[in-house]
Amino acid sequence: MKVGVLLAAGASRRMGRTKALLERRGVSYLALGVRHLWSVCDRVVVVLGADATRVRATLENEIQALVATGRLHDEVTAARRHGAPALEVRFVVNRAWARGMYGSVRAGLRAARIGRPEAVIVLPVDHPFVSPATVRVLAAAMDAALGAYRGTRAARARFAYAVVPRYRGKRGHPVVLSGGLAAAIAADARARDLSDAVRSRARLVGYLDVRDPGVVRNRNTPKD
């Protein structure tokens, strides 16, 4: 089982508007992120913070509209293909969101650990240009790594491995964490950010070169 974590807790001060509710081709960044993660994940955890009530209500209404118009056909087909019984999204509110994104990462990973997934895919909401195909390739790379691991079942559960996309030598998102690494980072309150936590907690880190510039294109200001 894989779980997605979509980080959408920030106040978007530099953007001047809530980034999660910005749109691309008529779909909010929030819904885009959820749909990208649904392509490989059984469940998506959305971490909210600033303006949480409005952001959650907007996503729920948007998903209902997508269902009513049949625009989630591809996601439903993908869910059936990887064995998920249904498309599922859960919400977590990080009340300390103003302290930085890493707190939201940890809150999302703690929620994602319910059910003990074999992998967790972490995606910031301000990366709307990531291709769903890239998400699938990264997930497949983690599957290959886990499949090649020959340790005991207990050791496999602790296996701390990360897959990080790279475009033209620059690291990006989403980052895929093995279940063991996700648990270790969820418990790590000392790291400065996700990158620091991966460096200090991962036993192995795999960098996957992709042709998708969306992995390094994040929107922080209206000019991005």
N, C-alpha and C. Protein backbone atom coordinates (compact mmCIF):
# COMPACT_ATOMS: atom_id res chain seq x y z
N MET A 1 0.83 -1.20 0.00
CA MET A 1 0.00 0.00 0.00
C MET A 1 0.87 1.25 0.00
N LYS A 2 0.45 2.25 -0.79
CA LYS A 2 1.14 3.53 -0.82
C LYS A 2 0.17 4.62 -0.38
N VAL A 3 0.72 5.62 0.32
CA VAL A 3 -0.07 6.76 0.77
C VAL A 3 0.60 8.03 0.28
N GLY A 4 -0.20 8.96 -0.21
CA GLY A 4 0.31 10.26 -0.61
C GLY A 4 0.12 11.29 0.49
N VAL A 5 1.06 12.22 0.60
CA VAL A 5 0.94 13.33 1.53
C VAL A 5 1.06 14.62 0.73
N LEU A 6 0.01 15.41 0.71
CA LEU A 6 -0.02 16.67 -0.01
C LEU A 6 0.08 17.82 1.00
N LEU A 7 1.13 18.61 0.89
CA LEU A 7 1.40 19.68 1.85
C LEU A 7 0.72 20.97 1.38
N ALA A 8 -0.27 21.42 2.12
CA ALA A 8 -1.05 22.60 1.71
C ALA A 8 -1.39 23.47 2.92
N ALA A 9 -0.42 23.66 3.81
CA ALA A 9 -0.70 24.36 5.07
C ALA A 9 -0.25 25.80 5.10
N GLY A 10 0.58 26.23 4.15
CA GLY A 10 1.18 27.55 4.23
C GLY A 10 0.21 28.69 3.99
N ALA A 11 0.65 29.90 4.37
CA ALA A 11 -0.19 31.09 4.24
C ALA A 11 -0.05 31.76 2.88
N SER A 12 0.93 31.36 2.08
CA SER A 12 1.13 31.89 0.72
C SER A 12 1.30 33.41 0.73
N ARG A 13 2.10 33.93 1.66
CA ARG A 13 2.25 35.38 1.79
C ARG A 13 2.90 35.99 0.54
N ARG A 14 3.90 35.33 -0.02
CA ARG A 14 4.56 35.90 -1.20
C ARG A 14 3.66 35.86 -2.43
N MET A 15 2.78 34.88 -2.49
CA MET A 15 1.84 34.79 -3.60
C MET A 15 0.73 35.83 -3.47
N GLY A 16 0.34 36.13 -2.22
CA GLY A 16 -0.73 37.09 -2.00
C GLY A 16 -2.11 36.44 -2.06
N ARG A 17 -2.17 35.18 -2.39
CA ARG A 17 -3.42 34.40 -2.43
C ARG A 17 -3.09 32.99 -1.97
N THR A 18 -4.09 32.27 -1.54
CA THR A 18 -3.88 30.89 -1.10
C THR A 18 -3.47 30.03 -2.29
N LYS A 19 -2.23 29.53 -2.27
CA LYS A 19 -1.72 28.79 -3.43
C LYS A 19 -2.53 27.54 -3.71
N ALA A 20 -3.01 26.89 -2.67
CA ALA A 20 -3.76 25.66 -2.86
C ALA A 20 -4.99 25.86 -3.73
N LEU A 21 -5.53 27.10 -3.74
CA LEU A 21 -6.76 27.37 -4.46
C LEU A 21 -6.52 28.04 -5.81
N LEU A 22 -5.26 28.29 -6.16
CA LEU A 22 -4.96 28.76 -7.52
C LEU A 22 -5.35 27.66 -8.50
N GLU A 23 -5.59 28.02 -9.73
CA GLU A 23 -6.06 27.04 -10.71
C GLU A 23 -5.13 26.91 -11.90
N ARG A 24 -5.11 25.71 -12.43
CA ARG A 24 -4.44 25.42 -13.70
C ARG A 24 -5.43 24.67 -14.57
N ARG A 25 -5.77 25.27 -15.69
CA ARG A 25 -6.74 24.68 -16.61
C ARG A 25 -8.06 24.35 -15.91
N GLY A 26 -8.48 25.26 -15.04
CA GLY A 26 -9.78 25.13 -14.39
C GLY A 26 -9.81 24.19 -13.20
N VAL A 27 -8.66 23.67 -12.79
CA VAL A 27 -8.59 22.76 -11.63
C VAL A 27 -7.66 23.37 -10.60
N SER A 28 -8.04 23.37 -9.34
CA SER A 28 -7.20 23.96 -8.30
C SER A 28 -5.92 23.15 -8.14
N TYR A 29 -4.87 23.85 -7.66
CA TYR A 29 -3.61 23.15 -7.39
C TYR A 29 -3.84 22.03 -6.38
N LEU A 30 -4.73 22.26 -5.45
CA LEU A 30 -5.03 21.25 -4.43
C LEU A 30 -5.61 19.99 -5.07
N ALA A 31 -6.61 20.15 -5.92
CA ALA A 31 -7.22 18.99 -6.58
C ALA A 31 -6.24 18.32 -7.54
N LEU A 32 -5.41 19.11 -8.21
CA LEU A 32 -4.40 18.53 -9.10
C LEU A 32 -3.46 17.62 -8.32
N GLY A 33 -2.98 18.13 -7.18
CA GLY A 33 -2.07 17.33 -6.36
C GLY A 33 -2.69 16.03 -5.89
N VAL A 34 -3.93 16.12 -5.42
CA VAL A 34 -4.63 14.91 -4.97
C VAL A 34 -4.77 13.92 -6.11
N ARG A 35 -5.16 14.42 -7.28
CA ARG A 35 -5.36 13.52 -8.43
C ARG A 35 -4.05 12.89 -8.89
N HIS A 36 -2.95 13.66 -8.87
CA HIS A 36 -1.65 13.09 -9.24
C HIS A 36 -1.29 11.94 -8.29
N LEU A 37 -1.49 12.16 -7.00
CA LEU A 37 -1.14 11.13 -6.02
C LEU A 37 -2.07 9.93 -6.09
N TRP A 38 -3.33 10.15 -6.40
CA TRP A 38 -4.25 9.03 -6.56
C TRP A 38 -3.83 8.07 -7.67
N SER A 39 -3.02 8.52 -8.59
CA SER A 39 -2.62 7.64 -9.70
C SER A 39 -1.84 6.44 -9.21
N VAL A 40 -1.24 6.55 -8.01
CA VAL A 40 -0.48 5.40 -7.48
C VAL A 40 -0.79 5.10 -6.01
N CYS A 41 -1.52 5.98 -5.34
CA CYS A 41 -1.72 5.84 -3.90
C CYS A 41 -3.12 5.34 -3.55
N ASP A 42 -3.20 4.54 -2.51
CA ASP A 42 -4.48 4.06 -2.00
C ASP A 42 -5.22 5.15 -1.24
N ARG A 43 -4.46 6.06 -0.66
CA ARG A 43 -5.05 7.12 0.16
C ARG A 43 -4.17 8.36 0.05
N VAL A 44 -4.78 9.53 0.12
CA VAL A 44 -4.03 10.78 0.13
C VAL A 44 -4.36 11.54 1.41
N VAL A 45 -3.33 11.96 2.12
CA VAL A 45 -3.47 12.79 3.31
C VAL A 45 -3.15 14.23 2.91
N VAL A 46 -4.10 15.13 3.11
CA VAL A 46 -3.90 16.54 2.81
C VAL A 46 -3.65 17.27 4.13
N VAL A 47 -2.49 17.93 4.22
CA VAL A 47 -2.14 18.66 5.44
C VAL A 47 -2.52 20.12 5.26
N LEU A 48 -3.43 20.59 6.10
CA LEU A 48 -3.94 21.95 6.05
C LEU A 48 -3.38 22.76 7.21
N GLY A 49 -3.47 24.08 7.09
CA GLY A 49 -3.01 24.96 8.16
C GLY A 49 -3.73 26.28 8.07
N ALA A 50 -3.13 27.25 7.38
CA ALA A 50 -3.76 28.55 7.20
C ALA A 50 -5.05 28.40 6.38
N ASP A 51 -6.11 29.06 6.84
CA ASP A 51 -7.39 29.06 6.13
C ASP A 51 -7.91 27.64 5.89
N ALA A 52 -7.69 26.77 6.86
CA ALA A 52 -7.96 25.34 6.68
C ALA A 52 -9.42 25.04 6.34
N THR A 53 -10.35 25.70 7.00
CA THR A 53 -11.77 25.40 6.78
C THR A 53 -12.17 25.69 5.34
N ARG A 54 -11.76 26.84 4.82
CA ARG A 54 -12.14 27.21 3.46
C ARG A 54 -11.46 26.31 2.44
N VAL A 55 -10.19 25.99 2.67
CA VAL A 55 -9.45 25.15 1.72
C VAL A 55 -10.08 23.76 1.67
N ARG A 56 -10.41 23.19 2.82
CA ARG A 56 -11.02 21.87 2.84
C ARG A 56 -12.37 21.87 2.13
N ALA A 57 -13.19 22.86 2.43
CA ALA A 57 -14.52 22.92 1.82
C ALA A 57 -14.43 23.07 0.30
N THR A 58 -13.47 23.86 -0.15
CA THR A 58 -13.28 24.05 -1.59
C THR A 58 -12.91 22.75 -2.27
N LEU A 59 -11.98 21.99 -1.66
CA LEU A 59 -11.58 20.72 -2.26
C LEU A 59 -12.74 19.73 -2.27
N GLU A 60 -13.47 19.64 -1.17
CA GLU A 60 -14.59 18.69 -1.11
C GLU A 60 -15.62 19.01 -2.20
N ASN A 61 -15.92 20.29 -2.38
CA ASN A 61 -16.88 20.67 -3.41
C ASN A 61 -16.33 20.38 -4.81
N GLU A 62 -15.05 20.61 -4.99
CA GLU A 62 -14.44 20.38 -6.30
C GLU A 62 -14.42 18.89 -6.64
N ILE A 63 -14.09 18.06 -5.67
CA ILE A 63 -14.07 16.62 -5.91
C ILE A 63 -15.48 16.12 -6.23
N GLN A 64 -16.48 16.62 -5.51
CA GLN A 64 -17.86 16.23 -5.79
C GLN A 64 -18.26 16.59 -7.22
N ALA A 65 -17.83 17.77 -7.68
CA ALA A 65 -18.14 18.19 -9.04
C ALA A 65 -17.43 17.31 -10.07
N LEU A 66 -16.19 16.93 -9.78
CA LEU A 66 -15.44 16.07 -10.69
C LEU A 66 -16.09 14.69 -10.79
N VAL A 67 -16.56 14.19 -9.65
CA VAL A 67 -17.25 12.89 -9.65
C VAL A 67 -18.53 12.99 -10.46
N ALA A 68 -19.29 14.05 -10.25
CA ALA A 68 -20.60 14.20 -10.92
C ALA A 68 -20.45 14.32 -12.43
N THR A 69 -19.34 14.88 -12.89
CA THR A 69 -19.13 15.05 -14.33
C THR A 69 -18.30 13.94 -14.96
N GLY A 70 -17.94 12.94 -14.16
CA GLY A 70 -17.19 11.81 -14.69
C GLY A 70 -15.74 12.10 -15.02
N ARG A 71 -15.20 13.17 -14.47
CA ARG A 71 -13.83 13.56 -14.80
C ARG A 71 -12.77 12.85 -13.96
N LEU A 72 -13.20 11.94 -13.09
CA LEU A 72 -12.23 11.16 -12.30
C LEU A 72 -12.10 9.73 -12.83
N HIS A 73 -12.52 9.51 -14.05
CA HIS A 73 -12.49 8.16 -14.63
C HIS A 73 -11.07 7.58 -14.61
N ASP A 74 -10.09 8.37 -15.03
CA ASP A 74 -8.72 7.87 -15.08
C ASP A 74 -8.20 7.52 -13.69
N GLU A 75 -8.53 8.35 -12.71
CA GLU A 75 -8.07 8.09 -11.34
C GLU A 75 -8.74 6.83 -10.77
N VAL A 76 -10.03 6.64 -11.05
CA VAL A 76 -10.72 5.44 -10.58
C VAL A 76 -10.11 4.20 -11.23
N THR A 77 -9.82 4.28 -12.51
CA THR A 77 -9.21 3.15 -13.22
C THR A 77 -7.84 2.83 -12.63
N ALA A 78 -7.06 3.87 -12.34
CA ALA A 78 -5.74 3.66 -11.75
C ALA A 78 -5.85 3.03 -10.37
N ALA A 79 -6.83 3.48 -9.58
CA ALA A 79 -7.03 2.93 -8.24
C ALA A 79 -7.34 1.44 -8.30
N ARG A 80 -8.20 1.06 -9.22
CA ARG A 80 -8.53 -0.36 -9.37
C ARG A 80 -7.31 -1.15 -9.82
N ARG A 81 -6.48 -0.53 -10.65
CA ARG A 81 -5.31 -1.22 -11.16
C ARG A 81 -4.32 -1.54 -10.04
N HIS A 82 -4.14 -0.59 -9.11
CA HIS A 82 -3.18 -0.88 -8.04
C HIS A 82 -3.86 -1.38 -6.76
N GLY A 83 -5.12 -1.78 -6.87
CA GLY A 83 -5.77 -2.52 -5.80
C GLY A 83 -6.45 -1.69 -4.74
N ALA A 84 -6.56 -0.37 -4.93
CA ALA A 84 -7.26 0.45 -3.93
C ALA A 84 -8.76 0.25 -4.07
N PRO A 85 -9.49 0.08 -2.97
CA PRO A 85 -10.93 -0.14 -3.06
C PRO A 85 -11.71 1.10 -3.51
N ALA A 86 -11.13 2.29 -3.28
CA ALA A 86 -11.82 3.53 -3.64
C ALA A 86 -10.83 4.68 -3.59
N LEU A 87 -11.22 5.80 -4.15
CA LEU A 87 -10.42 7.01 -4.02
C LEU A 87 -10.67 7.60 -2.63
N GLU A 88 -9.62 7.84 -1.89
CA GLU A 88 -9.78 8.28 -0.51
C GLU A 88 -8.88 9.47 -0.22
N VAL A 89 -9.41 10.47 0.47
CA VAL A 89 -8.62 11.61 0.93
C VAL A 89 -8.95 11.87 2.39
N ARG A 90 -7.93 12.13 3.17
CA ARG A 90 -8.11 12.46 4.58
C ARG A 90 -7.42 13.79 4.85
N PHE A 91 -7.91 14.51 5.84
CA PHE A 91 -7.38 15.83 6.16
C PHE A 91 -6.75 15.83 7.54
N VAL A 92 -5.62 16.52 7.63
CA VAL A 92 -4.94 16.73 8.91
C VAL A 92 -4.64 18.23 9.00
N VAL A 93 -4.90 18.82 10.14
CA VAL A 93 -4.61 20.24 10.33
C VAL A 93 -3.36 20.40 11.19
N ASN A 94 -2.37 21.07 10.65
CA ASN A 94 -1.16 21.40 11.40
C ASN A 94 -1.36 22.78 12.01
N ARG A 95 -1.69 22.82 13.28
CA ARG A 95 -1.99 24.10 13.92
C ARG A 95 -0.72 24.93 14.14
N ALA A 96 0.43 24.30 14.02
CA ALA A 96 1.70 25.04 14.14
C ALA A 96 2.29 25.30 12.75
N TRP A 97 1.44 25.48 11.74
CA TRP A 97 1.91 25.64 10.36
C TRP A 97 2.85 26.83 10.19
N ALA A 98 2.68 27.86 11.01
CA ALA A 98 3.50 29.07 10.85
C ALA A 98 4.96 28.83 11.19
N ARG A 99 5.28 27.72 11.84
CA ARG A 99 6.67 27.42 12.20
C ARG A 99 7.46 26.85 11.03
N GLY A 100 6.80 26.56 9.93
CA GLY A 100 7.53 26.04 8.78
C GLY A 100 6.95 24.75 8.24
N MET A 101 7.37 24.41 7.02
CA MET A 101 6.79 23.27 6.33
C MET A 101 7.14 21.93 6.96
N TYR A 102 8.28 21.85 7.63
CA TYR A 102 8.68 20.54 8.16
C TYR A 102 7.68 20.01 9.17
N GLY A 103 7.07 20.88 9.95
CA GLY A 103 6.04 20.43 10.88
C GLY A 103 4.87 19.80 10.15
N SER A 104 4.53 20.36 8.98
CA SER A 104 3.46 19.78 8.17
C SER A 104 3.87 18.43 7.60
N VAL A 105 5.14 18.32 7.20
CA VAL A 105 5.65 17.03 6.73
C VAL A 105 5.46 15.97 7.80
N ARG A 106 5.87 16.27 9.00
CA ARG A 106 5.78 15.29 10.08
C ARG A 106 4.33 14.96 10.42
N ALA A 107 3.47 15.98 10.42
CA ALA A 107 2.04 15.72 10.69
C ALA A 107 1.46 14.81 9.62
N GLY A 108 1.81 15.07 8.35
CA GLY A 108 1.32 14.23 7.27
C GLY A 108 1.85 12.82 7.34
N LEU A 109 3.12 12.68 7.68
CA LEU A 109 3.70 11.33 7.76
C LEU A 109 3.11 10.54 8.92
N ARG A 110 2.84 11.20 10.03
CA ARG A 110 2.20 10.49 11.15
C ARG A 110 0.83 9.96 10.74
N ALA A 111 0.07 10.78 10.03
CA ALA A 111 -1.25 10.33 9.58
C ALA A 111 -1.12 9.24 8.52
N ALA A 112 -0.11 9.36 7.67
CA ALA A 112 0.09 8.38 6.61
C ALA A 112 0.49 7.02 7.15
N ARG A 113 1.11 7.00 8.32
CA ARG A 113 1.60 5.74 8.87
C ARG A 113 0.48 4.82 9.34
N ILE A 114 -0.74 5.32 9.46
CA ILE A 114 -1.87 4.46 9.82
C ILE A 114 -2.05 3.44 8.70
N GLY A 115 -2.01 2.19 9.03
CA GLY A 115 -2.09 1.14 8.02
C GLY A 115 -0.73 0.64 7.57
N ARG A 116 0.34 1.29 8.05
CA ARG A 116 1.71 0.87 7.76
C ARG A 116 1.97 0.69 6.26
N PRO A 117 1.92 1.76 5.48
CA PRO A 117 2.16 1.66 4.05
C PRO A 117 3.61 1.28 3.75
N GLU A 118 3.82 0.68 2.61
CA GLU A 118 5.18 0.33 2.20
C GLU A 118 5.93 1.54 1.67
N ALA A 119 5.20 2.57 1.24
CA ALA A 119 5.83 3.79 0.74
C ALA A 119 4.90 4.97 0.92
N VAL A 120 5.51 6.16 1.08
CA VAL A 120 4.76 7.40 1.22
C VAL A 120 5.34 8.40 0.22
N ILE A 121 4.46 9.06 -0.53
CA ILE A 121 4.89 10.03 -1.54
C ILE A 121 4.51 11.42 -1.06
N VAL A 122 5.51 12.29 -0.90
CA VAL A 122 5.30 13.63 -0.35
C VAL A 122 5.38 14.66 -1.47
N LEU A 123 4.31 15.46 -1.62
CA LEU A 123 4.24 16.45 -2.69
C LEU A 123 3.76 17.79 -2.14
N PRO A 124 4.51 18.87 -2.31
CA PRO A 124 4.02 20.20 -1.93
C PRO A 124 2.96 20.67 -2.92
N VAL A 125 1.96 21.38 -2.45
CA VAL A 125 0.86 21.80 -3.31
C VAL A 125 1.30 22.82 -4.36
N ASP A 126 2.44 23.49 -4.13
CA ASP A 126 2.89 24.51 -5.07
C ASP A 126 3.74 23.95 -6.22
N HIS A 127 3.62 22.64 -6.48
CA HIS A 127 4.27 22.00 -7.62
C HIS A 127 3.19 21.44 -8.57
N PRO A 128 2.35 22.31 -9.13
CA PRO A 128 1.21 21.83 -9.93
C PRO A 128 1.60 21.33 -11.32
N PHE A 129 2.85 21.58 -11.72
CA PHE A 129 3.25 21.22 -13.08
C PHE A 129 3.87 19.83 -13.17
N VAL A 130 3.98 19.13 -12.05
CA VAL A 130 4.49 17.75 -12.07
C VAL A 130 3.55 16.88 -12.89
N SER A 131 4.13 16.03 -13.71
CA SER A 131 3.32 15.12 -14.52
C SER A 131 2.91 13.90 -13.72
N PRO A 132 1.65 13.43 -13.86
CA PRO A 132 1.26 12.19 -13.20
C PRO A 132 2.15 11.02 -13.62
N ALA A 133 2.65 11.05 -14.86
CA ALA A 133 3.54 9.98 -15.32
C ALA A 133 4.82 9.95 -14.50
N THR A 134 5.30 11.13 -14.10
CA THR A 134 6.50 11.20 -13.27
C THR A 134 6.24 10.59 -11.90
N VAL A 135 5.07 10.87 -11.34
CA VAL A 135 4.70 10.28 -10.05
C VAL A 135 4.71 8.75 -10.15
N ARG A 136 4.19 8.24 -11.25
CA ARG A 136 4.15 6.79 -11.43
C ARG A 136 5.56 6.21 -11.59
N VAL A 137 6.43 6.91 -12.29
CA VAL A 137 7.81 6.42 -12.48
C VAL A 137 8.54 6.39 -11.14
N LEU A 138 8.36 7.42 -10.33
CA LEU A 138 9.02 7.46 -9.03
C LEU A 138 8.50 6.35 -8.12
N ALA A 139 7.20 6.12 -8.15
CA ALA A 139 6.62 5.04 -7.34
C ALA A 139 7.15 3.69 -7.80
N ALA A 140 7.30 3.51 -9.12
CA ALA A 140 7.82 2.25 -9.65
C ALA A 140 9.27 2.04 -9.22
N ALA A 141 10.04 3.13 -9.13
CA ALA A 141 11.43 3.02 -8.68
C ALA A 141 11.49 2.54 -7.23
N MET A 142 10.57 3.04 -6.40
CA MET A 142 10.52 2.56 -5.02
C MET A 142 10.09 1.10 -4.97
N ASP A 143 9.11 0.72 -5.79
CA ASP A 143 8.69 -0.68 -5.85
C ASP A 143 9.86 -1.58 -6.19
N ALA A 144 10.68 -1.16 -7.15
CA ALA A 144 11.83 -1.97 -7.57
C ALA A 144 12.83 -2.11 -6.43
N ALA A 145 13.07 -1.02 -5.70
CA ALA A 145 14.01 -1.07 -4.59
C ALA A 145 13.51 -1.99 -3.47
N LEU A 146 12.24 -1.86 -3.15
CA LEU A 146 11.67 -2.72 -2.10
C LEU A 146 11.64 -4.17 -2.55
N GLY A 147 11.36 -4.39 -3.83
CA GLY A 147 11.33 -5.75 -4.34
C GLY A 147 12.68 -6.42 -4.34
N ALA A 148 13.74 -5.62 -4.47
CA ALA A 148 15.10 -6.17 -4.49
C ALA A 148 15.67 -6.39 -3.10
N TYR A 149 14.99 -5.83 -2.09
CA TYR A 149 15.52 -5.95 -0.73
C TYR A 149 15.32 -7.37 -0.20
N ARG A 150 16.36 -7.95 0.31
CA ARG A 150 16.32 -9.36 0.72
C ARG A 150 16.38 -9.56 2.23
N GLY A 151 16.17 -8.54 3.02
CA GLY A 151 16.23 -8.69 4.46
C GLY A 151 14.99 -9.37 5.01
N THR A 152 14.96 -9.54 6.32
CA THR A 152 13.80 -10.13 6.98
C THR A 152 12.62 -9.19 6.90
N ARG A 153 11.46 -9.69 7.24
CA ARG A 153 10.26 -8.85 7.21
C ARG A 153 10.40 -7.67 8.16
N ALA A 154 10.97 -7.91 9.35
CA ALA A 154 11.14 -6.83 10.32
C ALA A 154 12.15 -5.80 9.79
N ALA A 155 13.23 -6.29 9.17
CA ALA A 155 14.23 -5.37 8.62
C ALA A 155 13.65 -4.58 7.46
N ARG A 156 12.82 -5.23 6.66
CA ARG A 156 12.18 -4.54 5.53
C ARG A 156 11.30 -3.39 6.02
N ALA A 157 10.63 -3.60 7.14
CA ALA A 157 9.76 -2.56 7.69
C ALA A 157 10.56 -1.35 8.17
N ARG A 158 11.86 -1.57 8.47
CA ARG A 158 12.71 -0.47 8.92
C ARG A 158 13.58 0.09 7.79
N PHE A 159 13.52 -0.51 6.62
CA PHE A 159 14.37 -0.13 5.50
C PHE A 159 14.18 1.36 5.17
N ALA A 160 15.23 2.14 5.33
CA ALA A 160 15.14 3.60 5.18
C ALA A 160 15.69 4.02 3.82
N TYR A 161 14.80 4.14 2.85
CA TYR A 161 15.21 4.45 1.48
C TYR A 161 14.34 5.57 0.93
N ALA A 162 14.95 6.43 0.12
CA ALA A 162 14.21 7.53 -0.50
C ALA A 162 14.52 7.57 -1.99
N VAL A 163 13.52 7.95 -2.77
CA VAL A 163 13.70 8.19 -4.21
C VAL A 163 13.39 9.67 -4.44
N VAL A 164 14.36 10.37 -5.03
CA VAL A 164 14.24 11.82 -5.24
C VAL A 164 14.37 12.11 -6.74
N PRO A 165 13.42 12.84 -7.33
CA PRO A 165 13.55 13.17 -8.75
C PRO A 165 14.59 14.27 -8.96
N ARG A 166 15.20 14.23 -10.13
CA ARG A 166 16.21 15.23 -10.45
C ARG A 166 16.04 15.65 -11.91
N TYR A 167 16.00 16.97 -12.11
CA TYR A 167 15.87 17.50 -13.47
C TYR A 167 17.06 18.40 -13.76
N ARG A 168 17.86 18.01 -14.75
CA ARG A 168 19.07 18.75 -15.12
C ARG A 168 19.95 19.01 -13.91
N GLY A 169 20.09 17.98 -13.08
CA GLY A 169 20.96 18.04 -11.92
C GLY A 169 20.37 18.69 -10.69
N LYS A 170 19.14 19.19 -10.78
CA LYS A 170 18.50 19.85 -9.65
C LYS A 170 17.45 18.95 -9.03
N ARG A 171 17.53 18.77 -7.72
CA ARG A 171 16.59 17.91 -7.02
C ARG A 171 15.22 18.58 -6.91
N GLY A 172 14.17 17.73 -6.93
CA GLY A 172 12.82 18.28 -6.89
C GLY A 172 11.84 17.44 -6.10
N HIS A 173 10.57 17.57 -6.44
CA HIS A 173 9.46 16.87 -5.78
C HIS A 173 8.56 16.24 -6.84
N PRO A 174 7.83 15.20 -6.43
CA PRO A 174 7.65 14.63 -5.09
C PRO A 174 8.80 13.72 -4.68
N VAL A 175 8.92 13.53 -3.38
CA VAL A 175 9.91 12.61 -2.81
C VAL A 175 9.17 11.37 -2.33
N VAL A 176 9.72 10.20 -2.66
CA VAL A 176 9.10 8.94 -2.25
C VAL A 176 9.92 8.35 -1.10
N LEU A 177 9.26 8.03 -0.02
CA LEU A 177 9.92 7.48 1.17
C LEU A 177 9.44 6.06 1.41
N SER A 178 10.36 5.17 1.74
CA SER A 178 9.93 3.85 2.19
C SER A 178 9.18 4.00 3.50
N GLY A 179 8.40 3.00 3.85
CA GLY A 179 7.63 3.07 5.09
C GLY A 179 8.50 3.27 6.30
N GLY A 180 9.65 2.59 6.33
CA GLY A 180 10.57 2.73 7.45
C GLY A 180 11.13 4.12 7.57
N LEU A 181 11.48 4.72 6.44
CA LEU A 181 12.02 6.08 6.47
C LEU A 181 10.93 7.08 6.84
N ALA A 182 9.72 6.89 6.35
CA ALA A 182 8.62 7.78 6.71
C ALA A 182 8.39 7.77 8.22
N ALA A 183 8.46 6.60 8.82
CA ALA A 183 8.28 6.51 10.28
C ALA A 183 9.40 7.22 11.02
N ALA A 184 10.64 7.06 10.53
CA ALA A 184 11.79 7.70 11.19
C ALA A 184 11.70 9.22 11.10
N ILE A 185 11.29 9.74 9.95
CA ILE A 185 11.18 11.19 9.79
C ILE A 185 10.02 11.74 10.60
N ALA A 186 8.92 11.00 10.67
CA ALA A 186 7.77 11.44 11.48
C ALA A 186 8.16 11.63 12.94
N ALA A 187 9.15 10.87 13.40
CA ALA A 187 9.58 10.94 14.79
C ALA A 187 10.75 11.91 15.00
N ASP A 188 11.27 12.48 13.93
CA ASP A 188 12.47 13.32 14.00
C ASP A 188 12.10 14.79 14.12
N ALA A 189 12.16 15.32 15.33
CA ALA A 189 11.82 16.72 15.56
C ALA A 189 13.03 17.63 15.44
N ARG A 190 14.21 17.08 15.18
CA ARG A 190 15.43 17.88 15.21
C ARG A 190 15.86 18.36 13.83
N ALA A 191 15.36 17.73 12.77
CA ALA A 191 15.77 18.12 11.42
C ALA A 191 15.25 19.52 11.08
N ARG A 192 15.96 20.20 10.17
CA ARG A 192 15.55 21.55 9.77
C ARG A 192 14.41 21.51 8.75
N ASP A 193 14.47 20.52 7.86
CA ASP A 193 13.46 20.40 6.81
C ASP A 193 13.49 18.97 6.28
N LEU A 194 12.67 18.68 5.26
CA LEU A 194 12.58 17.31 4.76
C LEU A 194 13.91 16.86 4.17
N SER A 195 14.59 17.72 3.44
CA SER A 195 15.88 17.34 2.85
C SER A 195 16.88 16.96 3.93
N ASP A 196 16.93 17.74 5.00
CA ASP A 196 17.83 17.44 6.11
C ASP A 196 17.46 16.12 6.76
N ALA A 197 16.16 15.88 6.93
CA ALA A 197 15.72 14.63 7.55
C ALA A 197 16.07 13.43 6.68
N VAL A 198 15.90 13.55 5.37
CA VAL A 198 16.24 12.45 4.47
C VAL A 198 17.74 12.16 4.55
N ARG A 199 18.55 13.21 4.52
CA ARG A 199 20.01 13.01 4.58
C ARG A 199 20.44 12.32 5.86
N SER A 200 19.81 12.68 6.97
CA SER A 200 20.25 12.13 8.25
C SER A 200 19.62 10.79 8.58
N ARG A 201 18.44 10.50 8.02
CA ARG A 201 17.72 9.29 8.41
C ARG A 201 17.75 8.17 7.36
N ALA A 202 17.99 8.52 6.11
CA ALA A 202 17.95 7.50 5.06
C ALA A 202 19.23 6.67 5.04
N ARG A 203 19.07 5.40 4.86
CA ARG A 203 20.23 4.53 4.68
C ARG A 203 20.73 4.63 3.24
N LEU A 204 19.79 4.79 2.32
CA LEU A 204 20.11 4.93 0.91
C LEU A 204 19.20 5.98 0.30
N VAL A 205 19.73 6.77 -0.64
CA VAL A 205 18.93 7.72 -1.39
C VAL A 205 19.19 7.50 -2.87
N GLY A 206 18.13 7.28 -3.62
CA GLY A 206 18.26 7.10 -5.06
C GLY A 206 17.78 8.36 -5.78
N TYR A 207 18.59 8.86 -6.70
CA TYR A 207 18.21 10.03 -7.48
C TYR A 207 17.82 9.57 -8.88
N LEU A 208 16.61 9.92 -9.27
CA LEU A 208 16.08 9.49 -10.55
C LEU A 208 16.00 10.69 -11.49
N ASP A 209 16.81 10.68 -12.54
CA ASP A 209 16.79 11.76 -13.52
C ASP A 209 15.56 11.64 -14.39
N VAL A 210 14.79 12.71 -14.47
CA VAL A 210 13.54 12.72 -15.23
C VAL A 210 13.57 13.87 -16.24
N ARG A 211 12.69 13.79 -17.22
CA ARG A 211 12.59 14.85 -18.23
C ARG A 211 11.46 15.82 -17.93
N ASP A 212 11.01 15.81 -16.73
CA ASP A 212 9.85 16.60 -16.32
C ASP A 212 10.31 17.84 -15.55
N PRO A 213 10.29 19.03 -16.17
CA PRO A 213 10.70 20.24 -15.44
C PRO A 213 9.76 20.60 -14.30
N GLY A 214 8.57 20.00 -14.29
CA GLY A 214 7.61 20.28 -13.23
C GLY A 214 8.10 19.89 -11.85
N VAL A 215 9.07 18.97 -11.77
CA VAL A 215 9.54 18.54 -10.45
C VAL A 215 10.33 19.64 -9.75
N VAL A 216 10.84 20.61 -10.51
CA VAL A 216 11.62 21.70 -9.90
C VAL A 216 10.93 23.05 -10.06
N ARG A 217 9.73 23.05 -10.60
CA ARG A 217 9.03 24.31 -10.82
C ARG A 217 7.97 24.50 -9.75
N ASN A 218 8.27 25.33 -8.79
CA ASN A 218 7.29 25.63 -7.75
C ASN A 218 6.86 27.10 -7.86
N ARG A 219 5.64 27.35 -7.45
CA ARG A 219 5.08 28.70 -7.54
C ARG A 219 5.02 29.33 -6.15
N ASN A 220 5.89 30.30 -5.93
CA ASN A 220 5.90 31.03 -4.68
C ASN A 220 5.39 32.45 -4.81
N THR A 221 5.52 33.03 -6.01
CA THR A 221 5.08 34.39 -6.27
C THR A 221 4.28 34.40 -7.58
N PRO A 222 3.52 35.46 -7.85
CA PRO A 222 2.75 35.51 -9.10
C PRO A 222 3.62 35.43 -10.35
N LYS A 223 4.91 35.76 -10.24
CA LYS A 223 5.80 35.75 -11.40
C LYS A 223 6.38 34.37 -11.69
N ASP A 224 6.26 33.43 -10.77
CA ASP A 224 6.85 32.08 -10.95
C ASP A 224 6.10 31.31 -12.04
